[in-house]
C-alpha atoms as a PDB file:
ATOM      1  CA  MET A   1     100.304 130.911-256.292  1.00  0.00           C
ATOM      2  CA  SER A   2     100.901 132.428-259.718  1.00  0.00           C
ATOM      3  CA  ASP A   3     103.008 129.368-260.583  1.00  0.00           C
ATOM      4  CA  TYR A   4     100.056 127.111-259.713  1.00  0.00           C
ATOM      5  CA  ASN A   5      97.771 129.173-261.934  1.00  0.00           C
ATOM      6  CA  VAL A   6     100.134 128.758-264.860  1.00  0.00           C
ATOM      7  CA  ILE A   7     100.605 125.026-264.319  1.00  0.00           C
ATOM      8  CA  ALA A   8      96.954 124.154-263.743  1.00  0.00           C
ATOM      9  CA  GLY A   9      95.477 126.697-266.129  1.00  0.00           C
ATOM     10  CA  LEU A  10      92.847 127.589-263.530  1.00  0.00           C
ATOM     11  CA  LYS A  11      91.885 130.644-261.507  1.00  0.00           C
ATOM     12  CA  ILE A  12      92.198 129.981-257.777  1.00  0.00           C
ATOM     13  CA  LYS A  13      89.567 131.605-255.553  1.00  0.00           C
ATOM     14  CA  TYR A  14      91.007 134.099-253.047  1.00  0.00           C
ATOM     15  CA  LEU A  15      89.008 133.645-249.824  1.00  0.00           C
ATOM     16  CA  SER A  16      89.298 135.016-246.293  1.00  0.00           C
ATOM     17  CA  ALA A  17      88.216 131.629-244.863  1.00  0.00           C
ATOM     18  CA  ASP A  18      87.745 128.036-245.987  1.00  0.00           C
ATOM     19  CA  PRO A  19      84.400 127.472-247.761  1.00  0.00           C
ATOM     20  CA  ALA A  20      81.758 125.820-245.579  1.00  0.00           C
ATOM     21  CA  TYR A  21      81.055 122.994-248.024  1.00  0.00           C
ATOM     22  CA  PRO A  22      83.983 122.531-250.416  1.00  0.00           C
ATOM     23  CA  GLU A  23      83.591 120.173-253.350  1.00  0.00           C
ATOM     24  CA  GLN A  24      85.833 117.175-253.941  1.00  0.00           C
ATOM     25  CA  GLY A  25      88.999 118.458-255.645  1.00  0.00           C
ATOM     26  CA  GLN A  26      88.213 122.136-255.031  1.00  0.00           C
ATOM     27  CA  VAL A  27      91.292 124.383-254.577  1.00  0.00           C
ATOM     28  CA  TRP A  28      91.383 127.886-253.016  1.00  0.00           C
ATOM     29  CA  TYR A  29      93.737 130.353-251.309  1.00  0.00           C
ATOM     30  CA  ASN A  30      92.979 131.199-247.662  1.00  0.00           C
ATOM     31  CA  SER A  31      94.229 134.773-247.189  1.00  0.00           C
ATOM     32  CA  SER A  32      93.861 134.591-243.400  1.00  0.00           C
ATOM     33  CA  THR A  33      96.233 131.648-243.012  1.00  0.00           C
ATOM     34  CA  GLN A  34      98.109 132.402-246.257  1.00  0.00           C
ATOM     35  CA  ASN A  35      97.788 128.776-247.375  1.00  0.00           C
ATOM     36  CA  LEU A  36      96.798 127.210-250.674  1.00  0.00           C
ATOM     37  CA  ARG A  37      94.122 124.646-249.735  1.00  0.00           C
ATOM     38  CA  VAL A  38      92.503 121.604-251.364  1.00  0.00           C
ATOM     39  CA  ASN A  39      89.586 119.387-250.452  1.00  0.00           C
ATOM     40  CA  GLY A  40      90.035 115.732-251.392  1.00  0.00           C
ATOM     41  CA  VAL A  41      91.264 112.273-250.481  1.00  0.00           C
ATOM     42  CA  LEU A  42      93.710 112.103-247.570  1.00  0.00           C
ATOM     43  CA  GLY A  43      95.644 108.970-246.638  1.00  0.00           C
ATOM     44  CA  THR A  44      95.176 105.251-247.259  1.00  0.00           C
ATOM     45  CA  GLY A  45      91.886 103.391-247.164  1.00  0.00           C
ATOM     46  CA  ALA A  46      91.030 100.599-244.723  1.00  0.00           C
ATOM     47  CA  TRP A  47      88.332  97.933-244.216  1.00  0.00           C
ATOM     48  CA  SER A  48      86.190  97.903-241.075  1.00  0.00           C
ATOM     49  CA  SER A  49      83.260  95.843-239.803  1.00  0.00           C
ATOM     50  CA  GLY A  50      79.787  96.963-240.819  1.00  0.00           C
ATOM     51  CA  GLY A  51      76.339  95.980-239.592  1.00  0.00           C
ATOM     52  CA  ALA A  52      75.447  92.307-240.117  1.00  0.00           C
ATOM     53  CA  LEU A  53      72.777  91.252-242.609  1.00  0.00           C
ATOM     54  CA  ASN A  54      69.546  90.021-241.018  1.00  0.00           C
ATOM     55  CA  VAL A  55      69.427  87.019-243.374  1.00  0.00           C
ATOM     56  CA  ALA A  56      72.639  85.048-243.994  1.00  0.00           C
ATOM     57  CA  ARG A  57      73.116  84.532-247.712  1.00  0.00           C
ATOM     58  CA  GLY A  58      75.540  84.373-250.622  1.00  0.00           C
ATOM     59  CA  ALA A  59      75.371  85.102-254.353  1.00  0.00           C
ATOM     60  CA  THR A  60      73.019  87.997-253.668  1.00  0.00           C
ATOM     61  CA  GLY A  61      72.491  91.112-255.786  1.00  0.00           C
ATOM     62  CA  GLY A  62      74.439  94.190-254.667  1.00  0.00           C
ATOM     63  CA  ILE A  63      73.200  97.687-255.557  1.00  0.00           C
ATOM     64  CA  GLY A  64      73.807 101.250-254.389  1.00  0.00           C
ATOM     65  CA  THR A  65      76.443 102.949-252.244  1.00  0.00           C
ATOM     66  CA  GLN A  66      78.209 102.445-248.927  1.00  0.00           C
ATOM     67  CA  THR A  67      75.613 104.524-247.081  1.00  0.00           C
ATOM     68  CA  ALA A  68      72.608 103.520-249.207  1.00  0.00           C
ATOM     69  CA  GLY A  69      73.109  99.891-250.178  1.00  0.00           C
ATOM     70  CA  LEU A  70      70.661  97.226-251.299  1.00  0.00           C
ATOM     71  CA  CYS A  71      70.973  93.453-250.833  1.00  0.00           C
ATOM     72  CA  CYS A  72      68.573  91.485-253.047  1.00  0.00           C
ATOM     73  CA  SER A  73      67.547  87.831-252.715  1.00  0.00           C
ATOM     74  CA  GLY A  74      70.386  85.233-252.655  1.00  0.00           C
ATOM     75  CA  GLN A  75      71.166  81.645-251.643  1.00  0.00           C
ATOM     76  CA  ILE A  76      70.703  80.736-247.967  1.00  0.00           C
ATOM     77  CA  SER A  77      72.118  77.174-248.040  1.00  0.00           C
ATOM     78  CA  PRO A  78      73.509  74.689-250.568  1.00  0.00           C
ATOM     79  CA  GLY A  79      70.929  73.453-253.057  1.00  0.00           C
ATOM     80  CA  PRO A  80      69.455  74.725-256.336  1.00  0.00           C
ATOM     81  CA  SER A  81      66.218  76.059-254.791  1.00  0.00           C
ATOM     82  CA  ASN A  82      67.391  77.180-251.351  1.00  0.00           C
ATOM     83  CA  ASN A  83      66.830  80.864-252.060  1.00  0.00           C
ATOM     84  CA  THR A  84      65.509  83.788-250.094  1.00  0.00           C
ATOM     85  CA  ASN A  85      63.300  86.554-251.478  1.00  0.00           C
ATOM     86  CA  SER A  86      64.445  88.878-248.683  1.00  0.00           C
ATOM     87  CA  THR A  87      65.582  92.426-249.549  1.00  0.00           C
ATOM     88  CA  GLU A  88      67.563  94.565-247.103  1.00  0.00           C
ATOM     89  CA  GLU A  89      68.637  98.216-247.188  1.00  0.00           C
ATOM     90  CA  TYR A  90      71.865  99.547-245.637  1.00  0.00           C
ATOM     91  CA  ASN A  91      72.054 103.041-244.149  1.00  0.00           C
ATOM     92  CA  GLY A  92      75.778 103.167-243.460  1.00  0.00           C
ATOM     93  CA  SER A  93      75.630 101.245-240.197  1.00  0.00           C
ATOM     94  CA  SER A  94      72.805  98.681-240.219  1.00  0.00           C
ATOM     95  CA  TRP A  95      70.563  96.608-242.496  1.00  0.00           C
ATOM     96  CA  THR A  96      66.748  96.859-242.465  1.00  0.00           C
ATOM     97  CA  ALA A  97      64.290  94.486-244.129  1.00  0.00           C
ATOM     98  CA  THR A  98      62.147  95.935-246.907  1.00  0.00           C
ATOM     99  CA  GLY A  99      59.896  94.593-249.689  1.00  0.00           C
ATOM    100  CA  ASN A 100      60.588  91.046-250.892  1.00  0.00           C
ATOM    101  CA  VAL A 101      61.519  90.286-254.492  1.00  0.00           C
ATOM    102  CA  GLY A 102      58.798  88.490-256.451  1.00  0.00           C
ATOM    103  CA  GLN A 103      61.020  85.621-257.692  1.00  0.00           C
ATOM    104  CA  ALA A 104      63.620  84.403-255.191  1.00  0.00           C
ATOM    105  CA  ARG A 105      66.921  83.763-256.964  1.00  0.00           C
ATOM    106  CA  TYR A 106      70.700  83.932-256.726  1.00  0.00           C
ATOM    107  CA  THR A 107      73.666  84.725-259.025  1.00  0.00           C
ATOM    108  CA  MET A 108      71.529  87.311-260.827  1.00  0.00           C
ATOM    109  CA  GLY A 109      72.490  90.577-262.519  1.00  0.00           C
ATOM    110  CA  ALA A 110      71.829  93.767-260.540  1.00  0.00           C
ATOM    111  CA  ALA A 111      71.918  97.492-261.329  1.00  0.00           C
ATOM    112  CA  GLY A 112      70.691 100.871-260.100  1.00  0.00           C
ATOM    113  CA  THR A 113      70.389 102.501-256.686  1.00  0.00           C
ATOM    114  CA  GLN A 114      68.740 101.813-253.341  1.00  0.00           C
ATOM    115  CA  THR A 115      65.574 103.639-254.455  1.00  0.00           C
ATOM    116  CA  ALA A 116      65.643 102.606-258.141  1.00  0.00           C
ATOM    117  CA  GLY A 117      67.005  99.082-258.453  1.00  0.00           C
ATOM    118  CA  LEU A 118      66.902  96.370-261.105  1.00  0.00           C
ATOM    119  CA  ILE A 119      67.574  92.621-261.044  1.00  0.00           C
ATOM    120  CA  SER A 120      67.311  90.181-263.925  1.00  0.00           C
ATOM    121  CA  MET A 121      68.010  86.550-264.748  1.00  0.00           C
ATOM    122  CA  GLY A 122      69.742  84.419-262.091  1.00  0.00           C
ATOM    123  CA  TYR A 123      68.952  80.916-260.818  1.00  0.00           C
ATOM    124  CA  SER A 124      66.090  79.255-258.954  1.00  0.00           C
ATOM    125  CA  GLY A 125      66.080  75.569-259.833  1.00  0.00           C
ATOM    126  CA  SER A 126      66.749  76.666-263.416  1.00  0.00           C
ATOM    127  CA  ALA A 127      68.145  79.743-265.135  1.00  0.00           C
ATOM    128  CA  LEU A 128      65.655  82.632-265.237  1.00  0.00           C
ATOM    129  CA  THR A 129      64.685  85.427-267.608  1.00  0.00           C
ATOM    130  CA  ALA A 130      62.610  87.314-265.012  1.00  0.00           C
ATOM    131  CA  THR A 131      63.286  91.040-264.527  1.00  0.00           C
ATOM    132  CA  GLU A 132      62.148  93.040-261.486  1.00  0.00           C
ATOM    133  CA  LEU A 133      62.248  96.758-260.644  1.00  0.00           C
ATOM    134  CA  TYR A 134      62.534  98.295-257.160  1.00  0.00           C
ATOM    135  CA  ASN A 135      61.174 101.715-256.156  1.00  0.00           C
ATOM    136  CA  GLY A 136      62.596 101.945-252.648  1.00  0.00           C
ATOM    137  CA  SER A 137      59.937  99.798-251.005  1.00  0.00           C
ATOM    138  CA  THR A 138      58.440  97.258-253.445  1.00  0.00           C
ATOM    139  CA  TRP A 139      59.402  95.163-256.466  1.00  0.00           C
ATOM    140  CA  THR A 140      57.352  94.946-259.671  1.00  0.00           C
ATOM    141  CA  GLY A 141      57.790  92.768-262.735  1.00  0.00           C
ATOM    142  CA  GLY A 142      59.498  94.056-265.862  1.00  0.00           C
ATOM    143  CA  THR A 143      60.040  92.701-269.362  1.00  0.00           C
ATOM    144  CA  SER A 144      61.895  89.382-269.405  1.00  0.00           C
ATOM    145  CA  SER A 145      65.439  89.182-270.767  1.00  0.00           C
ATOM    146  CA  ASN A 146      66.127  87.534-274.117  1.00  0.00           C
ATOM    147  CA  ASP A 147      68.355  84.838-272.550  1.00  0.00           C
ATOM    148  CA  ASN A 148      67.971  82.771-269.414  1.00  0.00           C
ATOM    149  CA  ARG A 149      71.369  83.036-267.746  1.00  0.00           C
ATOM    150  CA  THR A 150      72.936  82.834-264.306  1.00  0.00           C
ATOM    151  CA  ASN A 151      76.285  83.883-262.828  1.00  0.00           C
ATOM    152  CA  LEU A 152      76.307  86.936-265.112  1.00  0.00           C
ATOM    153  CA  GLY A 153      77.911  90.367-264.789  1.00  0.00           C
ATOM    154  CA  SER A 154      76.027  93.649-264.655  1.00  0.00           C
ATOM    155  CA  GLY A 155      76.137  97.415-264.252  1.00  0.00           C
ATOM    156  CA  GLY A 156      74.287 100.642-264.938  1.00  0.00           C
ATOM    157  CA  THR A 157      71.012 102.106-263.740  1.00  0.00           C
ATOM    158  CA  GLN A 158      67.347 101.127-263.578  1.00  0.00           C
ATOM    159  CA  THR A 159      66.722 102.849-266.914  1.00  0.00           C
ATOM    160  CA  SER A 160      70.050 102.079-268.598  1.00  0.00           C
ATOM    161  CA  ALA A 161      71.471  98.724-267.500  1.00  0.00           C
ATOM    162  CA  LEU A 162      74.019  96.307-268.926  1.00  0.00           C
ATOM    163  CA  MET A 163      74.208  92.543-268.336  1.00  0.00           C
ATOM    164  CA  PHE A 164      76.763  90.182-269.835  1.00  0.00           C
ATOM    165  CA  GLY A 165      78.277  86.710-269.839  1.00  0.00           C
ATOM    166  CA  GLY A 166      77.145  83.979-267.466  1.00  0.00           C
ATOM    167  CA  SER A 167      76.084  80.341-267.603  1.00  0.00           C
ATOM    168  CA  GLU A 168      73.405  79.057-269.926  1.00  0.00           C
ATOM    169  CA  SER A 169      72.153  75.610-270.826  1.00  0.00           C
ATOM    170  CA  PRO A 170      74.339  74.318-272.253  1.00  0.00           C
ATOM    171  CA  GLY A 171      77.671  76.068-271.841  1.00  0.00           C
ATOM    172  CA  THR A 172      79.036  79.512-271.098  1.00  0.00           C
ATOM    173  CA  SER A 173      77.699  82.713-272.646  1.00  0.00           C
ATOM    174  CA  ASN A 174      79.435  85.719-274.217  1.00  0.00           C
ATOM    175  CA  ALA A 175      76.113  87.519-274.761  1.00  0.00           C
ATOM    176  CA  THR A 176      75.447  91.120-273.745  1.00  0.00           C
ATOM    177  CA  GLU A 177      72.021  92.668-273.207  1.00  0.00           C
ATOM    178  CA  GLU A 178      71.127  96.337-272.756  1.00  0.00           C
ATOM    179  CA  TRP A 179      68.064  97.595-270.852  1.00  0.00           C
ATOM    180  CA  ASP A 180      66.440 100.926-271.786  1.00  0.00           C
ATOM    181  CA  GLY A 181      63.960 101.091-268.934  1.00  0.00           C
ATOM    182  CA  SER A 182      61.311  98.953-270.600  1.00  0.00           C
ATOM    183  CA  SER A 183      62.928  96.270-272.794  1.00  0.00           C
ATOM    184  CA  TRP A 184      66.131  94.352-273.526  1.00  0.00           C
ATOM    185  CA  THR A 185      68.152  94.495-276.743  1.00  0.00           C
ATOM    186  CA  THR A 186      71.284  92.638-277.805  1.00  0.00           C
ATOM    187  CA  GLY A 187      74.652  94.363-277.435  1.00  0.00           C
ATOM    188  CA  GLY A 188      78.170  93.396-278.513  1.00  0.00           C
ATOM    189  CA  ASN A 189      79.479  90.020-277.398  1.00  0.00           C
ATOM    190  CA  LEU A 190      82.260  89.596-274.854  1.00  0.00           C
ATOM    191  CA  GLY A 191      85.585  88.623-276.372  1.00  0.00           C
ATOM    192  CA  THR A 192      85.771  85.638-273.991  1.00  0.00           C
ATOM    193  CA  ALA A 193      82.671  83.847-272.745  1.00  0.00           C
ATOM    194  CA  ARG A 194      82.731  83.377-268.970  1.00  0.00           C
ATOM    195  CA  TYR A 195      80.603  82.986-265.864  1.00  0.00           C
ATOM    196  CA  GLN A 196      80.735  83.524-262.065  1.00  0.00           C
ATOM    197  CA  LEU A 197      80.615  87.262-262.646  1.00  0.00           C
ATOM    198  CA  SER A 198      77.609  87.988-260.426  1.00  0.00           C
ATOM    199  CA  GLY A 199      77.342  89.901-257.171  1.00  0.00           C
ATOM    200  CA  ASN A 200      78.331  93.178-258.743  1.00  0.00           C
ATOM    201  CA  ASN A 201      77.139  96.472-260.118  1.00  0.00           C
ATOM    202  CA  VAL A 202      80.164  97.915-261.874  1.00  0.00           C
ATOM    203  CA  GLY A 203      80.304 100.482-264.657  1.00  0.00           C
ATOM    204  CA  THR A 204      77.553 101.874-266.862  1.00  0.00           C
ATOM    205  CA  GLN A 205      75.789 100.822-270.048  1.00  0.00           C
ATOM    206  CA  THR A 206      78.234 102.834-272.165  1.00  0.00           C
ATOM    207  CA  ALA A 207      81.298 102.243-269.984  1.00  0.00           C
ATOM    208  CA  GLY A 208      80.998  98.696-268.669  1.00  0.00           C
ATOM    209  CA  LEU A 209      83.621  96.481-267.057  1.00  0.00           C
ATOM    210  CA  CYS A 210      83.885  92.670-267.021  1.00  0.00           C
ATOM    211  CA  VAL A 211      86.462  91.439-264.486  1.00  0.00           C
ATOM    212  CA  GLY A 212      87.815  87.910-264.113  1.00  0.00           C
ATOM    213  CA  GLY A 213      85.331  85.056-263.992  1.00  0.00           C
ATOM    214  CA  TYR A 214      85.527  81.409-265.025  1.00  0.00           C
ATOM    215  CA  SER A 215      85.654  79.516-268.304  1.00  0.00           C
ATOM    216  CA  GLY A 216      87.057  76.098-267.535  1.00  0.00           C
ATOM    217  CA  SER A 217      89.290  77.811-264.951  1.00  0.00           C
ATOM    218  CA  ALA A 218      89.532  81.173-263.224  1.00  0.00           C
ATOM    219  CA  LYS A 219      90.520  84.028-265.563  1.00  0.00           C
ATOM    220  CA  ASP A 220      92.590  87.184-265.158  1.00  0.00           C
ATOM    221  CA  LEU A 221      90.893  88.749-268.177  1.00  0.00           C
ATOM    222  CA  VAL A 222      89.407  92.245-268.062  1.00  0.00           C
ATOM    223  CA  GLU A 223      87.190  93.689-270.810  1.00  0.00           C
ATOM    224  CA  GLU A 224      85.776  97.196-271.208  1.00  0.00           C
ATOM    225  CA  TYR A 225      82.499  98.079-272.975  1.00  0.00           C
ATOM    226  CA  ASN A 226      81.972 101.332-274.897  1.00  0.00           C
ATOM    227  CA  GLY A 227      78.256 100.979-275.550  1.00  0.00           C
ATOM    228  CA  SER A 228      78.603  98.693-278.560  1.00  0.00           C
ATOM    229  CA  SER A 229      81.702  96.491-278.265  1.00  0.00           C
ATOM    230  CA  TRP A 230      84.145  94.998-275.754  1.00  0.00           C
ATOM    231  CA  THR A 231      87.922  95.512-275.845  1.00  0.00           C
ATOM    232  CA  ALA A 232      90.717  94.218-273.628  1.00  0.00           C
ATOM    233  CA  GLY A 233      91.538  96.150-270.458  1.00  0.00           C
ATOM    234  CA  GLY A 234      94.345  95.761-267.938  1.00  0.00           C
ATOM    235  CA  ALA A 235      94.533  92.141-266.770  1.00  0.00           C
ATOM    236  CA  LEU A 236      94.207  91.181-263.112  1.00  0.00           C
ATOM    237  CA  PRO A 237      97.508  90.231-261.418  1.00  0.00           C
ATOM    238  CA  THR A 238      95.978  86.819-260.643  1.00  0.00           C
ATOM    239  CA  ALA A 239      92.925  84.945-261.892  1.00  0.00           C
ATOM    240  CA  GLU A 240      89.793  85.766-259.877  1.00  0.00           C
ATOM    241  CA  GLY A 241      86.166  84.660-259.770  1.00  0.00           C
ATOM    242  CA  VAL A 242      83.108  84.673-257.471  1.00  0.00           C
ATOM    243  CA  ALA A 243      84.307  87.986-255.970  1.00  0.00           C
ATOM    244  CA  ALA A 244      82.616  91.280-255.132  1.00  0.00           C
ATOM    245  CA  ARG A 245      83.015  93.913-257.837  1.00  0.00           C
ATOM    246  CA  TYR A 246      81.776  97.504-257.759  1.00  0.00           C
ATOM    247  CA  GLY A 247      82.555 101.006-258.999  1.00  0.00           C
ATOM    248  CA  LEU A 248      83.193 102.469-262.446  1.00  0.00           C
ATOM    249  CA  GLN A 249      85.097 101.415-265.548  1.00  0.00           C
ATOM    250  CA  THR A 250      87.956 103.737-264.567  1.00  0.00           C
ATOM    251  CA  ALA A 251      87.660 103.279-260.793  1.00  0.00           C
ATOM    252  CA  ALA A 252      86.612  99.758-259.811  1.00  0.00           C
ATOM    253  CA  THR A 253      87.189  97.456-256.830  1.00  0.00           C
ATOM    254  CA  ILE A 254      87.336  93.642-256.634  1.00  0.00           C
ATOM    255  CA  ALA A 255      87.446  91.896-253.244  1.00  0.00           C
ATOM    256  CA  GLY A 256      87.351  88.319-251.974  1.00  0.00           C
ATOM    257  CA  GLY A 257      86.485  85.392-254.220  1.00  0.00           C
ATOM    258  CA  GLY A 258      89.412  83.465-255.622  1.00  0.00           C
ATOM    259  CA  PRO A 259      90.295  80.685-258.003  1.00  0.00           C
ATOM    260  CA  GLY A 260      88.826  78.278-255.419  1.00  0.00           C
ATOM    261  CA  PRO A 261      87.988  76.214-253.618  1.00  0.00           C
ATOM    262  CA  ALA A 262      89.453  78.230-250.703  1.00  0.00           C
ATOM    263  CA  PRO A 263      88.415  81.918-250.649  1.00  0.00           C
ATOM    264  CA  ASN A 264      91.002  84.679-250.421  1.00  0.00           C
ATOM    265  CA  THR A 265      91.071  88.046-248.692  1.00  0.00           C
ATOM    266  CA  THR A 266      92.699  89.976-251.528  1.00  0.00           C
ATOM    267  CA  ALA A 267      91.287  93.349-252.607  1.00  0.00           C
ATOM    268  CA  ARG A 268      92.383  95.409-255.610  1.00  0.00           C
ATOM    269  CA  GLN A 269      91.407  98.620-257.386  1.00  0.00           C
ATOM    270  CA  TYR A 270      91.419  99.531-261.084  1.00  0.00           C
ATOM    271  CA  ASP A 271      92.251 102.955-262.530  1.00  0.00           C
ATOM    272  CA  GLY A 272      91.177 102.214-266.100  1.00  0.00           C
ATOM    273  CA  SER A 273      94.443 100.566-267.124  1.00  0.00           C
ATOM    274  CA  SER A 274      96.046  98.702-264.215  1.00  0.00           C
ATOM    275  CA  TRP A 275      95.312  97.167-260.808  1.00  0.00           C
ATOM    276  CA  THR A 276      96.692  98.165-257.408  1.00  0.00           C
ATOM    277  CA  THR A 277      96.496  96.015-254.287  1.00  0.00           C
ATOM    278  CA  ILE A 278      94.710  97.664-251.348  1.00  0.00           C
ATOM    279  CA  PRO A 279      94.378  96.380-247.744  1.00  0.00           C
ATOM    280  CA  SER A 280      92.877  92.881-247.501  1.00  0.00           C
ATOM    281  CA  ILE A 281      89.351  92.207-246.306  1.00  0.00           C
ATOM    282  CA  ALA A 282      89.043  90.567-242.869  1.00  0.00           C
ATOM    283  CA  THR A 283      86.961  87.559-243.930  1.00  0.00           C
ATOM    284  CA  GLY A 284      87.727  85.671-247.132  1.00  0.00           C
ATOM    285  CA  ARG A 285      84.622  84.379-248.903  1.00  0.00           C
ATOM    286  CA  ILE A 286      83.282  83.437-252.298  1.00  0.00           C
ATOM    287  CA  PHE A 287      80.022  84.558-253.920  1.00  0.00           C
ATOM    288  CA  VAL A 288      80.349  87.838-252.007  1.00  0.00           C
ATOM    289  CA  SER A 289      78.536  90.951-253.253  1.00  0.00           C
ATOM    290  CA  GLY A 290      79.378  94.625-253.165  1.00  0.00           C
ATOM    291  CA  CYS A 291      78.450  98.199-254.042  1.00  0.00           C
ATOM    292  CA  GLY A 292      79.862 101.688-253.793  1.00  0.00           C
ATOM    293  CA  SER A 293      82.985 103.484-255.033  1.00  0.00           C
ATOM    294  CA  ASN A 294      86.763 103.213-254.728  1.00  0.00           C
ATOM    295  CA  THR A 295      86.745 105.653-251.807  1.00  0.00           C
ATOM    296  CA  GLY A 296      83.627 104.316-250.068  1.00  0.00           C
ATOM    297  CA  GLY A 297      82.701 100.686-250.716  1.00  0.00           C
ATOM    298  CA  LEU A 298      80.663  97.923-249.114  1.00  0.00           C
ATOM    299  CA  ILE A 299      80.852  94.109-249.365  1.00  0.00           C
ATOM    300  CA  PHE A 300      78.391  91.704-247.761  1.00  0.00           C
ATOM    301  CA  GLY A 301      77.244  88.097-247.555  1.00  0.00           C
ATOM    302  CA  GLY A 302      79.044  85.208-249.195  1.00  0.00           C
ATOM    303  CA  SER A 303      79.151  81.427-249.300  1.00  0.00           C
ATOM    304  CA  PRO A 304      78.678  79.454-247.203  1.00  0.00           C
ATOM    305  CA  ALA A 305      75.822  81.779-246.246  1.00  0.00           C
ATOM    306  CA  VAL A 306      77.062  84.511-243.892  1.00  0.00           C
ATOM    307  CA  THR A 307      75.824  87.855-242.585  1.00  0.00           C
ATOM    308  CA  THR A 308      79.257  89.516-242.618  1.00  0.00           C
ATOM    309  CA  THR A 309      79.519  93.094-243.883  1.00  0.00           C
ATOM    310  CA  GLU A 310      82.715  95.091-244.396  1.00  0.00           C
ATOM    311  CA  GLU A 311      83.159  98.742-245.361  1.00  0.00           C
ATOM    312  CA  TYR A 312      86.120 100.244-247.237  1.00  0.00           C
ATOM    313  CA  THR A 313      86.716 103.916-246.532  1.00  0.00           C
ATOM    314  CA  VAL A 314      89.391 106.333-247.708  1.00  0.00           C
ATOM    315  CA  PRO A 315      89.689 109.340-245.381  1.00  0.00           C
ATOM    316  CA  SER A 316      89.059 112.722-246.969  1.00  0.00           C
ATOM    317  CA  GLY A 317      89.093 116.342-245.915  1.00  0.00           C
ATOM    318  CA  THR A 318      90.837 119.649-246.400  1.00  0.00           C
ATOM    319  CA  SER A 319      94.621 120.136-246.327  1.00  0.00           C
ATOM    320  CA  ASN A 320      97.280 122.602-247.360  1.00  0.00           C
ATOM    321  CA  ILE A 321      99.071 122.279-250.697  1.00  0.00           C
ATOM    322  CA  THR A 322     102.798 122.420-250.217  1.00  0.00           C
ATOM    323  CA  SER A 323     105.573 122.550-252.786  1.00  0.00           C
ATOM    324  CA  SER A 324     108.552 120.221-252.786  1.00  0.00           C
END
């Protein structure tokens, strides 16, 4: 154990029993069993079926976590105005209807949590600037965005959100907007304008992530935001668009989507510099949305409109530390 102290530069707690509620990554010595113990991720993650959405839809807004998710609005059938204003909350096993959004839309930007959500822009016959805020039961109007865009990327919280790229009339946008809880201001432009980035809530306002997308064709490009400017990140192994994206700048997941027209089942995770393939999702689909983290994620919906939900879970717990 002294060797571990020297290597890690930490003091290991000497306990007679395992702590009742160990934190992720916590290390201690159990004097009763004479084992060095750690609480953390154990084994390889896997996808499993989750509870079906009540309203079949694609290109919806995804917010929250695997056990507290939020599905906002979306497209229920082909056509520019075939939208639903339905909102549903996920509790880890099933979806429940809650307060409707004020302006039905799809391919919008989304940010926040299940009890403090934000959506802005998107499409409903035309590209929108409308912003709405969710308090866990109802939506209220917020200050409109500066641009009217659709198919844009997003991340952050209800009081500190980031939205970027997307389609505008005419052309493709490289614009970035930052939300401070009451108004939108212009941020640094993407290096490469692109669209079909929606369905995600990935990163934060000061550590954003733009993954794949389209600009004439599907792209493998990844860009990282530092609060003022975008720089190149580790490229995807293959070009991807219209996929679910969620997580953080240094721990993100992308699943489904594809270069089109056929959807794929591929899922990958990002560590801040490179991508690793993880087990495939069961149902390939485009315009699928997601939320959560690399160890506990959720994807749902997709086009053509479906109710399918899948959960990605990495087992965790307490184990002994052994030397090799």
